[in-house]
């Protein structure tokens, strides 16, 4: 995928096109993810995203200042998506998604070239993430 740092470029460009077209749109991201405490094959439907520190916001820098933006999602849409997926026979779970700025360390992977933590630290973090409502990364 593009990764978190490149997404604002895409979103800004698409939002400008939609505004110029006077279109009313809903944004849905489809793709693969790593489940956290869910069975393989479960469709994870995001009601809120958390950053890599499990904070309920995306942080960026604008004009040298840290700006935090909440990332909450439409619960009616979440429910509609869940009902549709279940009607098609897919197991689903509505939860939170943890977003990361990198593929290896940000996700707690142990197979990267740089790994300053062990399996016990990884599992402790994943348990904290699950307790915070995270169901996919």
N, C-alpha and C. Protein backbone atom coordinates (compact mmCIF):
# COMPACT_ATOMS: atom_id res chain seq x y z
N UNK A 1 0.81 -1.18 0.00
CA UNK A 1 0.00 0.00 0.00
C UNK A 1 0.85 1.25 0.00
N UNK A 2 0.21 2.36 -0.01
CA UNK A 2 0.89 3.65 -0.03
C UNK A 2 1.54 3.98 1.30
N UNK A 3 0.92 3.55 2.38
CA UNK A 3 1.43 3.91 3.70
C UNK A 3 0.85 5.24 4.16
N UNK A 4 0.80 5.39 5.48
CA UNK A 4 0.20 6.56 6.09
C UNK A 4 0.75 7.90 5.62
N UNK A 5 2.07 8.06 5.52
CA UNK A 5 2.60 9.38 5.15
C UNK A 5 2.19 9.86 3.75
N UNK A 6 1.88 8.96 2.84
CA UNK A 6 1.52 9.37 1.48
C UNK A 6 0.02 9.55 1.27
N UNK A 7 -0.77 9.05 2.18
CA UNK A 7 -2.23 9.11 2.03
C UNK A 7 -2.75 10.55 1.93
N UNK A 8 -2.25 11.52 2.72
CA UNK A 8 -2.79 12.89 2.59
C UNK A 8 -2.68 13.46 1.19
N UNK A 9 -1.67 13.08 0.44
CA UNK A 9 -1.54 13.55 -0.94
C UNK A 9 -2.74 13.06 -1.76
N UNK A 10 -3.00 11.77 -1.68
CA UNK A 10 -4.10 11.18 -2.42
C UNK A 10 -5.44 11.76 -1.98
N UNK A 11 -5.66 11.83 -0.67
CA UNK A 11 -6.94 12.31 -0.16
C UNK A 11 -7.18 13.76 -0.56
N UNK A 12 -6.17 14.60 -0.46
CA UNK A 12 -6.33 16.01 -0.86
C UNK A 12 -6.68 16.13 -2.33
N UNK A 13 -5.98 15.40 -3.17
CA UNK A 13 -6.24 15.50 -4.61
C UNK A 13 -7.64 14.98 -4.96
N UNK A 14 -8.04 13.86 -4.36
CA UNK A 14 -9.38 13.34 -4.63
C UNK A 14 -10.46 14.27 -4.09
N UNK A 15 -10.24 14.83 -2.89
CA UNK A 15 -11.22 15.74 -2.30
C UNK A 15 -11.41 16.97 -3.18
N UNK A 16 -10.31 17.49 -3.73
CA UNK A 16 -10.43 18.66 -4.62
C UNK A 16 -11.25 18.30 -5.85
N UNK A 17 -10.98 17.14 -6.46
CA UNK A 17 -11.74 16.73 -7.64
C UNK A 17 -13.22 16.58 -7.33
N UNK A 18 -13.52 15.95 -6.20
CA UNK A 18 -14.92 15.76 -5.82
C UNK A 18 -15.62 17.09 -5.55
N UNK A 19 -14.91 18.02 -4.90
CA UNK A 19 -15.50 19.34 -4.62
C UNK A 19 -15.79 20.06 -5.94
N UNK A 20 -14.84 20.04 -6.88
CA UNK A 20 -15.05 20.70 -8.17
C UNK A 20 -16.19 20.07 -8.94
N UNK A 21 -16.38 18.77 -8.76
CA UNK A 21 -17.46 18.06 -9.44
C UNK A 21 -18.79 18.19 -8.68
N UNK A 22 -18.75 18.88 -7.54
CA UNK A 22 -19.92 19.04 -6.68
C UNK A 22 -20.53 17.69 -6.33
N UNK A 23 -19.67 16.72 -6.05
CA UNK A 23 -20.10 15.36 -5.72
C UNK A 23 -20.17 15.18 -4.21
N UNK A 24 -21.15 14.41 -3.78
CA UNK A 24 -21.28 14.02 -2.38
C UNK A 24 -20.73 12.60 -2.29
N UNK A 25 -19.66 12.42 -1.55
CA UNK A 25 -18.99 11.12 -1.55
C UNK A 25 -18.77 10.60 -0.15
N UNK A 26 -18.61 9.31 -0.09
CA UNK A 26 -18.28 8.60 1.15
C UNK A 26 -16.96 7.88 0.90
N UNK A 27 -16.03 7.99 1.84
CA UNK A 27 -14.70 7.38 1.68
C UNK A 27 -14.66 6.03 2.38
N UNK A 28 -14.30 4.99 1.64
CA UNK A 28 -14.15 3.66 2.23
C UNK A 28 -12.82 3.09 1.74
N UNK A 29 -12.01 2.63 2.69
CA UNK A 29 -10.74 2.00 2.33
C UNK A 29 -10.93 0.48 2.40
N UNK A 30 -10.64 -0.20 1.31
CA UNK A 30 -10.70 -1.65 1.25
C UNK A 30 -9.29 -2.18 1.10
N UNK A 31 -8.98 -3.24 1.81
CA UNK A 31 -7.66 -3.83 1.66
C UNK A 31 -7.40 -4.87 2.71
N UNK A 32 -6.21 -5.40 2.67
CA UNK A 32 -5.82 -6.41 3.63
C UNK A 32 -5.31 -5.75 4.90
N UNK A 33 -5.27 -6.52 5.97
CA UNK A 33 -4.77 -6.02 7.24
C UNK A 33 -4.38 -7.20 8.10
N UNK A 34 -3.73 -6.91 9.20
CA UNK A 34 -3.42 -7.94 10.18
C UNK A 34 -4.43 -7.87 11.31
N UNK A 35 -5.10 -8.98 11.57
CA UNK A 35 -6.09 -9.01 12.63
C UNK A 35 -5.44 -9.04 14.00
N UNK A 36 -6.13 -8.48 14.98
CA UNK A 36 -5.67 -8.49 16.37
C UNK A 36 -6.76 -9.13 17.21
N UNK A 37 -6.57 -10.40 17.56
CA UNK A 37 -7.54 -11.10 18.38
C UNK A 37 -8.82 -11.48 17.66
N UNK A 38 -8.76 -11.59 16.34
CA UNK A 38 -9.91 -12.03 15.56
C UNK A 38 -9.49 -13.22 14.71
N UNK A 39 -10.44 -14.03 14.32
CA UNK A 39 -10.17 -15.19 13.48
C UNK A 39 -9.73 -14.74 12.08
N UNK A 40 -8.82 -15.49 11.49
CA UNK A 40 -8.39 -15.21 10.12
C UNK A 40 -9.62 -15.21 9.21
N UNK A 41 -9.66 -14.25 8.29
CA UNK A 41 -10.78 -14.14 7.36
C UNK A 41 -11.89 -13.23 7.83
N UNK A 42 -11.78 -12.71 9.04
CA UNK A 42 -12.79 -11.80 9.57
C UNK A 42 -12.69 -10.45 8.87
N UNK A 43 -13.83 -9.91 8.49
CA UNK A 43 -13.87 -8.57 7.90
C UNK A 43 -13.88 -7.57 9.05
N UNK A 44 -12.81 -6.78 9.15
CA UNK A 44 -12.70 -5.76 10.20
C UNK A 44 -13.29 -4.46 9.67
N UNK A 45 -14.27 -3.94 10.37
CA UNK A 45 -14.91 -2.69 10.00
C UNK A 45 -14.51 -1.65 11.04
N UNK A 46 -13.90 -0.58 10.57
CA UNK A 46 -13.32 0.42 11.47
C UNK A 46 -14.33 1.45 11.91
N UNK A 47 -14.43 1.62 13.25
CA UNK A 47 -15.26 2.70 13.78
C UNK A 47 -14.41 3.88 14.23
N UNK A 48 -13.11 3.65 14.41
CA UNK A 48 -12.18 4.71 14.81
C UNK A 48 -10.77 4.22 14.53
N UNK A 49 -9.90 5.14 14.14
CA UNK A 49 -8.50 4.74 13.98
C UNK A 49 -7.67 5.33 15.10
N UNK A 50 -6.65 4.58 15.48
CA UNK A 50 -5.70 5.00 16.51
C UNK A 50 -4.33 5.08 15.89
N UNK A 51 -3.49 5.94 16.44
CA UNK A 51 -2.11 6.01 15.94
C UNK A 51 -1.27 4.90 16.57
N UNK A 52 0.00 4.84 16.23
CA UNK A 52 0.88 3.78 16.72
C UNK A 52 1.11 3.80 18.22
N UNK A 53 0.76 4.90 18.89
CA UNK A 53 0.85 4.98 20.35
C UNK A 53 -0.52 4.75 20.99
N UNK A 54 -1.48 4.29 20.19
CA UNK A 54 -2.86 4.01 20.60
C UNK A 54 -3.63 5.27 20.98
N UNK A 55 -3.19 6.40 20.46
CA UNK A 55 -3.92 7.66 20.65
C UNK A 55 -5.02 7.78 19.63
N UNK A 56 -6.17 8.36 20.00
CA UNK A 56 -7.32 8.43 19.09
C UNK A 56 -7.27 9.61 18.12
N UNK A 57 -6.12 9.81 17.49
CA UNK A 57 -5.98 10.92 16.55
C UNK A 57 -4.81 10.65 15.61
N UNK A 58 -4.86 11.37 14.49
CA UNK A 58 -3.73 11.39 13.56
C UNK A 58 -2.99 12.69 13.83
N UNK A 59 -1.69 12.60 13.98
CA UNK A 59 -0.91 13.82 14.20
C UNK A 59 -0.07 14.13 12.98
N UNK A 60 -0.13 15.40 12.58
CA UNK A 60 0.68 15.88 11.48
C UNK A 60 1.25 17.23 11.89
N UNK A 61 2.10 17.78 11.06
CA UNK A 61 2.70 19.07 11.37
C UNK A 61 2.32 20.06 10.28
N UNK A 62 1.81 21.21 10.72
CA UNK A 62 1.40 22.27 9.81
C UNK A 62 2.08 23.55 10.27
N UNK A 63 2.89 24.13 9.40
CA UNK A 63 3.60 25.37 9.70
C UNK A 63 4.41 25.26 11.00
N UNK A 64 5.02 24.10 11.20
CA UNK A 64 5.87 23.88 12.35
C UNK A 64 5.14 23.54 13.64
N UNK A 65 3.83 23.41 13.57
CA UNK A 65 3.05 23.11 14.76
C UNK A 65 2.40 21.73 14.64
N UNK A 66 2.39 20.99 15.76
CA UNK A 66 1.72 19.70 15.78
C UNK A 66 0.21 19.91 15.75
N UNK A 67 -0.46 19.21 14.84
CA UNK A 67 -1.91 19.28 14.71
C UNK A 67 -2.44 17.87 14.86
N UNK A 68 -3.41 17.71 15.77
CA UNK A 68 -4.03 16.41 15.99
C UNK A 68 -5.45 16.43 15.44
N UNK A 69 -5.76 15.40 14.65
CA UNK A 69 -7.10 15.31 14.05
C UNK A 69 -7.72 13.98 14.43
N UNK A 70 -8.93 14.03 14.97
CA UNK A 70 -9.65 12.81 15.31
C UNK A 70 -9.99 12.04 14.04
N UNK A 71 -10.12 10.74 14.18
CA UNK A 71 -10.51 9.91 13.06
C UNK A 71 -11.64 8.99 13.51
N UNK A 72 -12.83 9.56 13.55
CA UNK A 72 -14.04 8.81 13.89
C UNK A 72 -14.80 8.52 12.61
N UNK A 73 -15.54 7.43 12.62
CA UNK A 73 -16.25 7.02 11.42
C UNK A 73 -17.74 6.94 11.69
N UNK A 74 -18.51 7.01 10.65
CA UNK A 74 -19.97 7.01 10.70
C UNK A 74 -20.47 5.63 11.17
N UNK A 75 -21.07 5.57 12.35
CA UNK A 75 -21.53 4.28 12.89
C UNK A 75 -22.68 3.70 12.08
N UNK A 76 -23.52 4.54 11.48
CA UNK A 76 -24.58 4.01 10.62
C UNK A 76 -23.98 3.28 9.43
N UNK A 77 -22.93 3.86 8.85
CA UNK A 77 -22.26 3.21 7.72
C UNK A 77 -21.59 1.92 8.18
N UNK A 78 -20.95 1.94 9.36
CA UNK A 78 -20.33 0.73 9.91
C UNK A 78 -21.35 -0.39 10.05
N UNK A 79 -22.50 -0.05 10.60
CA UNK A 79 -23.57 -1.05 10.80
C UNK A 79 -24.07 -1.57 9.46
N UNK A 80 -24.26 -0.69 8.49
CA UNK A 80 -24.71 -1.11 7.16
C UNK A 80 -23.69 -2.05 6.51
N UNK A 81 -22.41 -1.69 6.62
CA UNK A 81 -21.37 -2.55 6.06
C UNK A 81 -21.36 -3.91 6.74
N UNK A 82 -21.51 -3.93 8.06
CA UNK A 82 -21.52 -5.19 8.79
C UNK A 82 -22.70 -6.06 8.36
N UNK A 83 -23.87 -5.48 8.26
CA UNK A 83 -25.05 -6.25 7.86
C UNK A 83 -24.89 -6.81 6.45
N UNK A 84 -24.32 -6.01 5.54
CA UNK A 84 -24.11 -6.48 4.17
C UNK A 84 -23.11 -7.62 4.14
N UNK A 85 -21.99 -7.46 4.85
CA UNK A 85 -20.97 -8.52 4.87
C UNK A 85 -21.53 -9.80 5.49
N UNK A 86 -22.29 -9.68 6.56
CA UNK A 86 -22.86 -10.86 7.21
C UNK A 86 -23.89 -11.54 6.31
N UNK A 87 -24.66 -10.76 5.55
CA UNK A 87 -25.64 -11.35 4.64
C UNK A 87 -24.96 -12.15 3.53
N UNK A 88 -23.70 -11.82 3.26
CA UNK A 88 -22.92 -12.54 2.26
C UNK A 88 -22.11 -13.69 2.88
N UNK A 89 -22.28 -13.88 4.19
CA UNK A 89 -21.62 -15.00 4.86
C UNK A 89 -20.24 -14.71 5.42
N UNK A 90 -19.85 -13.44 5.47
CA UNK A 90 -18.53 -13.10 6.00
C UNK A 90 -18.60 -12.84 7.50
N UNK A 91 -17.67 -13.41 8.27
CA UNK A 91 -17.60 -13.03 9.69
C UNK A 91 -17.10 -11.60 9.79
N UNK A 92 -17.67 -10.81 10.67
CA UNK A 92 -17.30 -9.40 10.78
C UNK A 92 -17.10 -9.01 12.23
N UNK A 93 -16.37 -7.94 12.40
CA UNK A 93 -16.24 -7.32 13.71
C UNK A 93 -16.00 -5.83 13.52
N UNK A 94 -16.77 -5.04 14.25
CA UNK A 94 -16.56 -3.60 14.25
C UNK A 94 -15.61 -3.28 15.39
N UNK A 95 -14.55 -2.56 15.10
CA UNK A 95 -13.57 -2.21 16.12
C UNK A 95 -12.72 -1.04 15.66
N UNK A 96 -11.58 -0.92 16.30
CA UNK A 96 -10.67 0.17 15.98
C UNK A 96 -9.51 -0.37 15.14
N UNK A 97 -8.96 0.50 14.30
CA UNK A 97 -7.81 0.17 13.47
C UNK A 97 -6.62 0.97 13.95
N UNK A 98 -5.49 0.29 14.16
CA UNK A 98 -4.26 0.99 14.52
C UNK A 98 -3.50 1.28 13.24
N UNK A 99 -3.20 2.54 12.99
CA UNK A 99 -2.45 2.95 11.81
C UNK A 99 -0.99 3.15 12.19
N UNK A 100 -0.11 2.80 11.29
CA UNK A 100 1.33 2.88 11.53
C UNK A 100 2.01 3.61 10.39
N UNK A 101 3.16 4.17 10.68
CA UNK A 101 3.93 4.86 9.65
C UNK A 101 4.93 3.95 8.97
N UNK A 102 5.06 2.72 9.45
CA UNK A 102 5.97 1.80 8.78
C UNK A 102 5.48 0.36 8.92
N UNK A 103 6.00 -0.49 8.07
CA UNK A 103 5.53 -1.87 7.98
C UNK A 103 6.11 -2.77 9.06
N UNK A 104 7.34 -2.53 9.46
CA UNK A 104 8.00 -3.46 10.39
C UNK A 104 7.86 -3.03 11.85
N UNK A 105 8.61 -2.05 12.27
CA UNK A 105 8.60 -1.68 13.68
C UNK A 105 7.25 -1.15 14.14
N UNK A 106 6.60 -0.34 13.33
CA UNK A 106 5.31 0.22 13.71
C UNK A 106 4.26 -0.83 13.98
N UNK A 107 4.37 -1.97 13.32
CA UNK A 107 3.42 -3.06 13.50
C UNK A 107 3.94 -4.12 14.48
N UNK A 108 5.14 -3.89 15.04
CA UNK A 108 5.70 -4.85 15.98
C UNK A 108 6.19 -6.13 15.32
N UNK A 109 6.53 -6.06 14.05
CA UNK A 109 7.02 -7.26 13.36
C UNK A 109 8.41 -7.63 13.87
N UNK A 110 8.68 -8.90 13.88
CA UNK A 110 9.97 -9.40 14.37
C UNK A 110 10.93 -9.75 13.23
N UNK A 111 10.48 -9.63 11.98
CA UNK A 111 11.27 -10.09 10.84
C UNK A 111 11.93 -8.95 10.07
N UNK A 112 11.99 -7.76 10.64
CA UNK A 112 12.65 -6.64 9.97
C UNK A 112 14.14 -6.62 10.25
N UNK A 113 14.86 -5.79 9.51
CA UNK A 113 16.30 -5.66 9.70
C UNK A 113 16.62 -4.97 11.02
N UNK A 114 15.73 -4.10 11.48
CA UNK A 114 15.90 -3.41 12.76
C UNK A 114 14.79 -3.89 13.68
N UNK A 115 15.17 -4.48 14.80
CA UNK A 115 14.19 -4.99 15.74
C UNK A 115 14.79 -4.92 17.14
N UNK A 116 14.41 -3.89 17.89
CA UNK A 116 14.96 -3.66 19.22
C UNK A 116 14.02 -4.13 20.33
N UNK A 117 13.19 -5.12 20.06
CA UNK A 117 12.25 -5.66 21.03
C UNK A 117 12.15 -7.16 20.80
N UNK A 118 11.54 -7.86 21.75
CA UNK A 118 11.42 -9.31 21.61
C UNK A 118 9.95 -9.71 21.54
N UNK A 119 9.71 -11.00 21.39
CA UNK A 119 8.35 -11.52 21.23
C UNK A 119 7.47 -11.19 22.43
N UNK A 120 8.04 -11.21 23.64
CA UNK A 120 7.25 -10.89 24.83
C UNK A 120 6.77 -9.44 24.81
N UNK A 121 7.64 -8.52 24.41
CA UNK A 121 7.26 -7.11 24.32
C UNK A 121 6.20 -6.90 23.24
N UNK A 122 6.37 -7.61 22.12
CA UNK A 122 5.40 -7.51 21.04
C UNK A 122 4.02 -7.98 21.52
N UNK A 123 3.98 -9.14 22.16
CA UNK A 123 2.71 -9.69 22.60
C UNK A 123 2.05 -8.82 23.67
N UNK A 124 2.84 -8.24 24.56
CA UNK A 124 2.29 -7.34 25.58
C UNK A 124 1.65 -6.12 24.91
N UNK A 125 2.32 -5.58 23.89
CA UNK A 125 1.75 -4.44 23.18
C UNK A 125 0.46 -4.83 22.45
N UNK A 126 0.46 -5.98 21.78
CA UNK A 126 -0.75 -6.41 21.06
C UNK A 126 -1.91 -6.65 22.03
N UNK A 127 -1.62 -7.14 23.22
CA UNK A 127 -2.67 -7.31 24.23
C UNK A 127 -3.22 -5.96 24.67
N UNK A 128 -2.34 -4.97 24.86
CA UNK A 128 -2.80 -3.61 25.21
C UNK A 128 -3.64 -3.03 24.08
N UNK A 129 -3.20 -3.24 22.84
CA UNK A 129 -3.94 -2.73 21.68
C UNK A 129 -5.33 -3.37 21.63
N UNK A 130 -5.39 -4.68 21.84
CA UNK A 130 -6.68 -5.38 21.81
C UNK A 130 -7.58 -4.86 22.93
N UNK A 131 -7.03 -4.65 24.11
CA UNK A 131 -7.82 -4.11 25.24
C UNK A 131 -8.34 -2.70 24.93
N UNK A 132 -7.61 -1.97 24.09
CA UNK A 132 -8.04 -0.62 23.68
C UNK A 132 -9.07 -0.66 22.55
N UNK A 133 -9.42 -1.86 22.09
CA UNK A 133 -10.44 -2.00 21.05
C UNK A 133 -9.90 -2.23 19.65
N UNK A 134 -8.57 -2.33 19.51
CA UNK A 134 -7.97 -2.54 18.18
C UNK A 134 -8.28 -3.96 17.71
N UNK A 135 -8.76 -4.05 16.49
CA UNK A 135 -9.06 -5.36 15.89
C UNK A 135 -8.27 -5.59 14.60
N UNK A 136 -7.60 -4.54 14.13
CA UNK A 136 -6.73 -4.74 12.96
C UNK A 136 -5.70 -3.63 12.88
N UNK A 137 -4.59 -3.97 12.20
CA UNK A 137 -3.49 -3.02 12.00
C UNK A 137 -3.30 -2.87 10.50
